[in-house]
């Protein structure tokens, strides 16, 4: 707003669009940035203890899969996921992120076959060279629930990240968790 003051003063009867356009054509930077600094952090990888972030989320999932033992063909009959995302800022976005993460992981571990050349270069570099998940790969029943009553007082609006960080990284002070 401070950078717009000269344009407002030069055109006091103007509209927002007029001031923004004038600033743009004068090549005035109207961007602003910020940075959130985590406090009380200190993760020790040697002991797998401490806190590395305030936004770590947890979840649990189960899938019912039907496998043809003769051909190896399979279909995912149902998937049920419960995620702890703290106080969700937007449940629709969080559910979409969780569903997308599941399908992406399913594609990576079940459908993709990474092929490498003799010198180690990746040969399967895109959708034309490997099978990506399609509508037919989505579980027939797909249920995602957000855990209620799990606020995160150390984070913005008590939220947590979705989807979660890798499970091998613990953010609790108990390395056995």
Foldseek 3Di string as FASTA:
>chain_A
DVQLVVVCVVPVPDDPVSSVVVCVVVVHDPDDDDDDDAPQFDADPVLLFTAHDLFAKDKDKDWDKDADVVPRDIATQEMEMEIAFAPDPDVVVQVVLQQVVVQQVCCVPPWFDFDADPVGHTPQDDVVRTPGDDPRRRHPYYHYHYDPPHFRVRDDVRGHDPPGDDPCRDRHRDNVD
